[in-house]
Amino acid sequence: MRRSFITSTFFVLLALASPAWAGDGTAEDPGYGGAGYGELTQPEQAVDGDPATDTKKPKPKAGGSGGRPVLVSFAVSSSRLFIYGRSTRVTYRIDDNAPTVDVSLQLVNATSGEVAKTVALGSQSTGADHVYRLKARGVPGARYRLQMQASDPGDHRLARRAGVSASDEIAVYGHRFPLKGNFPFGDPGSRFGAPRSGHSHQGQDISAPEGTKVVAPRGGRVKTVAYQAEGAGHYVVIDGAGEGRDYAFMHLQEGSIRVRQGKWVRTGKWIGNVGNTGRSFGAHLHFEIWAGPWYGGGEPIDPFRLLRAWDRWS
């Protein structure tokens, strides 16, 4: 009787410690989280020449889900672009099973949703970092979404790695403020139209420490680099690109002018420094905007409202 009790107890404990087995000889799911017993199968034996069971076949290349190209990284170096100004660096990497993918960038107006510019980058290698310098030439000033698109030879469209965006916000501006540094606009006597001896003031005086950098508010061609002892002192005139306006910068510091007549300059180009040359009483920039050619049939316009707008985003 004692032996039968011990034997029965042994088999009960064995049954509790072992998995429940189905009639086909495989372990049933125990009914709790994690991998069930049914997932722990023995590896198949490789059979020579059978790709379905050959454990030595090469690993697939990095690529997207379902064979789609995948955007691994995407970044823009600056969220501001000036028309006719410096470019911004767009860096990206796309992984795919294919060695190359066809890539393009689109600037989409953030308000209207219209595509303002498409840049076809063509066939680009996968699995490598790429850099493209985007310029805003030919694009109206506005806020945009810069979007990346790509497709592989099988016309599979671009997917994104988790946490990676395929677009970025960019603001495009037509002009920038002509000084780099602190300044006041001055009193009413500094304004356009203020009385002068025998004439009225044709620009806006902007006070600033001597040596403050003066930059081009709009890219264009340098029309004039000259000196006028009894007036403008050292001065520069630039023909703004694509808009029919001339910009004049007067009383520049002697020896500071960094541009040459006839040469093209970009928006934001360092022209020279604030000075006190010519008929000037204290260091300042005398700045003029002309609708049409400067002293060649054009008319000066009040730059104050434009300067205040440019200052807000520069």
Protein backbone atom coordinates (compact mmCIF):
# COMPACT_ATOMS: atom_id res chain seq x y z
CA MET A 1 0.00 0.00 0.00
CA ARG A 2 2.84 2.40 0.90
CA ARG A 3 4.63 1.65 -2.46
CA SER A 4 1.45 2.34 -4.45
CA PHE A 5 1.01 5.72 -2.71
CA ILE A 6 4.63 6.78 -3.45
CA THR A 7 4.37 5.64 -7.07
CA SER A 8 1.09 7.52 -7.60
CA THR A 9 2.52 10.67 -6.05
CA PHE A 10 5.59 10.50 -8.33
CA PHE A 11 3.47 10.35 -11.50
CA VAL A 12 1.24 13.23 -10.34
CA LEU A 13 4.30 15.44 -9.73
CA LEU A 14 5.77 14.44 -13.10
CA ALA A 15 2.53 15.39 -14.83
CA LEU A 16 2.48 18.81 -13.13
CA ALA A 17 6.12 19.54 -14.08
CA SER A 18 5.74 18.55 -17.76
CA PRO A 19 3.99 20.46 -20.59
CA ALA A 20 0.65 19.22 -21.84
CA TRP A 21 1.22 17.40 -25.09
CA ALA A 22 -1.23 17.37 -27.97
CA GLY A 23 -2.13 14.19 -29.78
CA ASP A 24 0.15 15.08 -32.72
CA GLY A 25 3.26 15.16 -30.51
CA THR A 26 3.73 18.98 -30.42
CA ALA A 27 3.60 21.12 -27.28
CA GLU A 28 0.43 23.15 -26.79
CA ASP A 29 0.43 26.88 -25.99
CA PRO A 30 0.44 27.13 -22.19
CA GLY A 31 -1.95 30.09 -22.38
CA TYR A 32 0.26 32.87 -20.92
CA GLY A 33 2.33 35.63 -22.43
CA GLY A 34 5.63 35.26 -24.28
CA ALA A 35 6.66 32.56 -26.70
CA GLY A 36 4.60 29.43 -26.41
CA TYR A 37 6.06 25.96 -26.42
CA GLY A 38 4.87 25.50 -29.99
CA GLU A 39 7.35 28.19 -31.20
CA LEU A 40 10.38 26.34 -29.89
CA THR A 41 10.91 24.06 -32.89
CA GLN A 42 14.11 22.28 -33.84
CA PRO A 43 16.07 23.89 -36.73
CA GLU A 44 15.67 22.24 -40.10
CA GLN A 45 18.56 20.31 -41.53
CA ALA A 46 20.10 21.93 -44.60
CA VAL A 47 19.77 20.08 -47.83
CA ASP A 48 22.42 20.80 -50.49
CA GLY A 49 20.96 22.71 -53.45
CA ASP A 50 17.65 23.47 -51.73
CA PRO A 51 17.43 27.29 -51.18
CA ALA A 52 14.44 26.85 -48.89
CA THR A 53 16.49 24.95 -46.34
CA ASP A 54 20.05 26.19 -47.01
CA THR A 55 21.18 27.86 -43.76
CA LYS A 56 24.26 29.36 -45.48
CA LYS A 57 22.42 31.68 -47.90
CA PRO A 58 23.52 35.39 -47.66
CA LYS A 59 21.61 37.89 -45.55
CA PRO A 60 19.44 40.40 -47.46
CA LYS A 61 20.72 43.95 -47.86
CA ALA A 62 19.38 46.71 -45.61
CA GLY A 63 16.19 48.01 -47.10
CA GLY A 64 12.62 48.84 -46.49
CA SER A 65 9.62 47.00 -45.39
CA GLY A 66 8.14 44.93 -48.18
CA GLY A 67 11.03 45.84 -50.49
CA ARG A 68 10.34 49.57 -50.38
CA PRO A 69 13.15 52.18 -50.16
CA VAL A 70 13.45 53.56 -46.64
CA LEU A 71 14.46 57.07 -45.62
CA VAL A 72 17.00 56.55 -42.84
CA SER A 73 17.97 60.20 -42.24
CA PHE A 74 16.83 63.63 -43.47
CA ALA A 75 17.96 67.06 -42.20
CA VAL A 76 18.05 70.69 -43.35
CA SER A 77 20.83 72.97 -42.07
CA SER A 78 18.75 76.18 -41.99
CA SER A 79 15.02 76.85 -41.80
CA ARG A 80 15.45 80.21 -43.60
CA LEU A 81 16.35 80.86 -47.22
CA PHE A 82 16.86 84.22 -48.92
CA ILE A 83 16.13 84.61 -52.62
CA TYR A 84 19.47 84.98 -54.46
CA GLY A 85 21.18 84.17 -51.16
CA ARG A 86 23.14 81.30 -49.67
CA SER A 87 21.97 77.75 -50.14
CA THR A 88 20.88 75.45 -47.32
CA ARG A 89 22.35 71.96 -46.91
CA VAL A 90 19.90 69.08 -47.30
CA THR A 91 21.42 65.80 -46.07
CA TYR A 92 19.77 62.41 -46.46
CA ARG A 93 20.29 58.67 -46.70
CA ILE A 94 18.02 56.07 -48.28
CA ASP A 95 18.39 52.29 -47.85
CA ASP A 96 16.97 49.77 -50.30
CA ASN A 97 17.68 46.36 -51.84
CA ALA A 98 18.21 48.18 -55.16
CA PRO A 99 21.62 49.86 -55.64
CA THR A 100 20.02 53.17 -56.72
CA VAL A 101 16.74 55.04 -56.31
CA ASP A 102 15.27 58.03 -58.15
CA VAL A 103 15.11 61.03 -55.77
CA SER A 104 13.41 64.42 -55.91
CA LEU A 105 12.67 67.34 -53.56
CA GLN A 106 9.55 69.49 -53.55
CA LEU A 107 8.86 72.89 -52.01
CA VAL A 108 5.16 72.92 -51.16
CA ASN A 109 3.45 76.14 -50.10
CA ALA A 110 2.43 75.61 -46.46
CA THR A 111 -0.77 77.64 -46.92
CA SER A 112 -2.09 76.72 -50.36
CA GLY A 113 -0.54 73.27 -50.73
CA GLU A 114 0.70 74.15 -54.22
CA VAL A 115 4.08 72.85 -55.40
CA ALA A 116 6.30 75.89 -55.95
CA LYS A 117 9.45 74.06 -57.04
CA THR A 118 10.52 70.51 -57.84
CA VAL A 119 14.20 69.55 -57.84
CA ALA A 120 14.95 66.28 -59.63
CA LEU A 121 18.09 64.81 -58.03
CA GLY A 122 18.06 61.83 -60.38
CA SER A 123 19.49 58.40 -59.63
CA GLN A 124 21.17 58.29 -56.21
CA SER A 125 23.04 55.42 -54.59
CA THR A 126 21.43 53.71 -51.61
CA GLY A 127 23.09 53.05 -48.27
CA ALA A 128 25.17 56.25 -48.50
CA ASP A 129 24.90 59.78 -47.10
CA HIS A 130 24.13 62.50 -49.67
CA VAL A 131 24.23 66.31 -49.51
CA TYR A 132 22.30 68.70 -51.76
CA ARG A 133 22.55 72.51 -51.59
CA LEU A 134 19.08 73.96 -52.04
CA LYS A 135 18.63 77.54 -53.29
CA ALA A 136 15.46 79.63 -53.31
CA ARG A 137 16.03 81.20 -56.72
CA GLY A 138 12.76 81.51 -58.63
CA VAL A 139 10.60 80.78 -55.57
CA PRO A 140 8.23 83.47 -54.17
CA GLY A 141 8.70 84.48 -50.56
CA ALA A 142 6.46 82.31 -48.34
CA ARG A 143 6.50 79.44 -45.84
CA TYR A 144 7.05 76.00 -47.36
CA ARG A 145 7.33 72.31 -46.56
CA LEU A 146 10.40 70.74 -48.10
CA GLN A 147 9.42 67.16 -48.97
CA MET A 148 11.57 64.26 -50.12
CA GLN A 149 10.29 61.67 -52.58
CA ALA A 150 11.96 58.56 -53.99
CA SER A 151 11.19 55.36 -55.86
CA ASP A 152 13.24 52.31 -56.80
CA PRO A 153 13.38 50.60 -60.23
CA GLY A 154 10.32 48.55 -59.24
CA ASP A 155 8.38 51.80 -58.66
CA HIS A 156 8.18 51.14 -54.92
CA ARG A 157 7.61 54.42 -53.12
CA LEU A 158 9.59 55.84 -50.23
CA ALA A 159 8.88 54.68 -46.68
CA ARG A 160 10.35 56.17 -43.49
CA ARG A 161 12.23 54.68 -40.60
CA ALA A 162 10.43 55.21 -37.29
CA GLY A 163 11.19 58.67 -35.93
CA VAL A 164 12.46 60.04 -39.27
CA SER A 165 10.48 62.74 -41.10
CA ALA A 166 10.49 63.11 -44.89
CA SER A 167 9.72 66.85 -44.73
CA ASP A 168 10.88 70.01 -42.99
CA GLU A 169 9.64 73.60 -42.66
CA ILE A 170 11.45 76.32 -44.62
CA ALA A 171 10.69 80.05 -44.84
CA VAL A 172 11.78 81.89 -48.00
CA TYR A 173 12.36 85.64 -47.88
CA GLY A 174 12.97 88.07 -50.73
CA HIS A 175 15.22 90.47 -48.78
CA ARG A 176 17.23 90.83 -45.60
CA PHE A 177 18.19 93.79 -43.42
CA PRO A 178 21.32 95.60 -44.69
CA LEU A 179 23.14 95.76 -41.34
CA LYS A 180 24.54 93.01 -39.12
CA GLY A 181 24.50 94.42 -35.61
CA ASN A 182 22.62 96.75 -33.27
CA PHE A 183 21.22 100.01 -34.61
CA PRO A 184 18.59 102.73 -34.11
CA PHE A 185 16.61 104.28 -36.97
CA GLY A 186 17.17 107.74 -35.54
CA ASP A 187 14.98 110.83 -35.23
CA PRO A 188 12.59 112.28 -37.83
CA GLY A 189 15.52 114.09 -39.46
CA SER A 190 16.89 110.66 -40.49
CA ARG A 191 13.73 109.76 -42.40
CA PHE A 192 12.98 109.85 -46.11
CA GLY A 193 11.73 113.29 -47.19
CA ALA A 194 13.31 115.19 -44.28
CA PRO A 195 14.42 118.69 -45.39
CA ARG A 196 18.01 119.21 -46.47
CA SER A 197 19.80 122.24 -47.85
CA GLY A 198 18.41 122.68 -51.37
CA HIS A 199 16.72 119.26 -51.48
CA SER A 200 14.93 116.62 -49.41
CA HIS A 201 16.41 113.46 -47.89
CA GLN A 202 16.14 110.58 -50.37
CA GLY A 203 16.84 107.66 -48.05
CA GLN A 204 16.89 106.38 -44.48
CA ASP A 205 19.80 107.00 -42.12
CA ILE A 206 20.60 104.06 -39.82
CA SER A 207 23.01 104.83 -37.00
CA ALA A 208 25.51 102.13 -36.08
CA PRO A 209 29.06 101.90 -34.72
CA GLU A 210 31.76 102.49 -37.29
CA GLY A 211 32.92 99.16 -38.70
CA THR A 212 29.47 97.49 -38.50
CA LYS A 213 29.01 95.14 -41.45
CA VAL A 214 26.81 96.30 -44.34
CA VAL A 215 25.28 93.48 -46.43
CA ALA A 216 23.26 93.30 -49.64
CA PRO A 217 19.50 93.20 -48.93
CA ARG A 218 18.98 91.63 -52.36
CA GLY A 219 21.34 89.79 -54.67
CA GLY A 220 22.19 91.46 -57.96
CA ARG A 221 24.80 93.24 -60.06
CA VAL A 222 27.08 95.92 -58.60
CA LYS A 223 26.43 99.03 -60.74
CA THR A 224 28.68 101.55 -59.02
CA VAL A 225 31.60 101.67 -56.59
CA ALA A 226 32.72 105.27 -56.17
CA TYR A 227 33.67 108.15 -53.89
CA GLN A 228 32.06 111.60 -53.51
CA ALA A 229 33.92 113.90 -51.13
CA GLU A 230 31.13 116.49 -50.65
CA GLY A 231 28.27 114.02 -50.52
CA ALA A 232 27.98 110.25 -50.32
CA GLY A 233 31.59 109.55 -49.39
CA HIS A 234 32.50 105.95 -50.26
CA TYR A 235 29.36 104.37 -51.72
CA VAL A 236 28.04 101.32 -53.59
CA VAL A 237 24.95 100.85 -55.79
CA ILE A 238 23.48 97.42 -56.52
CA ASP A 239 20.90 96.57 -59.19
CA GLY A 240 18.55 94.13 -57.40
CA ALA A 241 17.91 90.96 -59.38
CA GLY A 242 14.45 90.24 -60.77
CA GLU A 243 12.63 93.30 -59.42
CA GLY A 244 13.66 96.55 -61.16
CA ARG A 245 15.09 98.24 -58.05
CA ASP A 246 18.45 99.78 -57.22
CA TYR A 247 19.92 99.91 -53.70
CA ALA A 248 22.46 102.57 -52.60
CA PHE A 249 24.76 102.39 -49.55
CA MET A 250 26.58 105.62 -48.60
CA HIS A 251 29.21 106.98 -46.17
CA LEU A 252 30.99 103.61 -46.04
CA GLN A 253 34.21 103.26 -44.08
CA GLU A 254 37.34 103.99 -46.06
CA GLY A 255 39.07 100.81 -47.23
CA SER A 256 36.16 98.58 -46.24
CA ILE A 257 34.40 98.03 -49.59
CA ARG A 258 34.56 94.34 -50.55
CA VAL A 259 32.75 94.29 -53.93
CA ARG A 260 33.70 95.33 -57.42
CA GLN A 261 31.72 97.12 -60.09
CA GLY A 262 30.11 94.76 -62.61
CA LYS A 263 30.29 91.71 -60.33
CA TRP A 264 27.34 89.66 -59.10
CA VAL A 265 26.67 89.54 -55.35
CA ARG A 266 24.25 87.32 -53.43
CA THR A 267 21.69 88.39 -50.84
CA GLY A 268 23.54 88.87 -47.55
CA LYS A 269 26.91 89.46 -49.19
CA TRP A 270 29.24 91.62 -47.09
CA ILE A 271 29.53 94.88 -49.06
CA GLY A 272 31.56 97.05 -46.69
CA ASN A 273 31.38 98.67 -43.26
CA VAL A 274 29.46 101.55 -41.73
CA GLY A 275 31.62 104.69 -41.85
CA ASN A 276 31.58 108.46 -41.65
CA THR A 277 32.99 109.48 -45.02
CA GLY A 278 31.85 112.34 -47.29
CA ARG A 279 29.34 114.85 -45.97
CA SER A 280 28.45 112.93 -42.85
CA PHE A 281 28.03 113.86 -39.18
CA GLY A 282 28.55 110.70 -37.17
CA ALA A 283 28.90 107.08 -38.21
CA HIS A 284 25.79 105.79 -40.01
CA LEU A 285 24.54 104.09 -43.16
CA HIS A 286 22.57 106.23 -45.59
CA PHE A 287 20.39 103.69 -47.42
CA GLU A 288 18.32 104.37 -50.55
CA ILE A 289 15.89 102.31 -52.63
CA TRP A 290 15.08 103.39 -56.17
CA ALA A 291 12.22 102.15 -58.33
CA GLY A 292 14.08 101.96 -61.60
CA PRO A 293 17.69 103.00 -62.24
CA TRP A 294 19.48 105.04 -59.58
CA TYR A 295 19.81 108.59 -60.96
CA GLY A 296 19.05 107.25 -64.43
CA GLY A 297 15.31 107.72 -64.81
CA GLY A 298 14.20 106.02 -61.60
CA GLU A 299 12.52 107.46 -58.51
CA PRO A 300 13.58 107.12 -54.85
CA ILE A 301 11.04 105.48 -52.52
CA ASP A 302 10.70 105.56 -48.75
CA PRO A 303 12.59 102.48 -47.44
CA PHE A 304 11.42 102.73 -43.81
CA ARG A 305 8.46 100.29 -43.96
CA LEU A 306 10.51 97.74 -45.90
CA LEU A 307 13.46 98.04 -43.53
CA ARG A 308 11.26 97.35 -40.52
CA ALA A 309 9.80 94.26 -42.21
CA TRP A 310 13.24 92.96 -43.20
CA ASP A 311 14.50 93.51 -39.66
CA ARG A 312 11.78 91.23 -38.24
CA TRP A 313 13.09 88.11 -40.00
CA SER A 314 16.78 88.96 -40.42
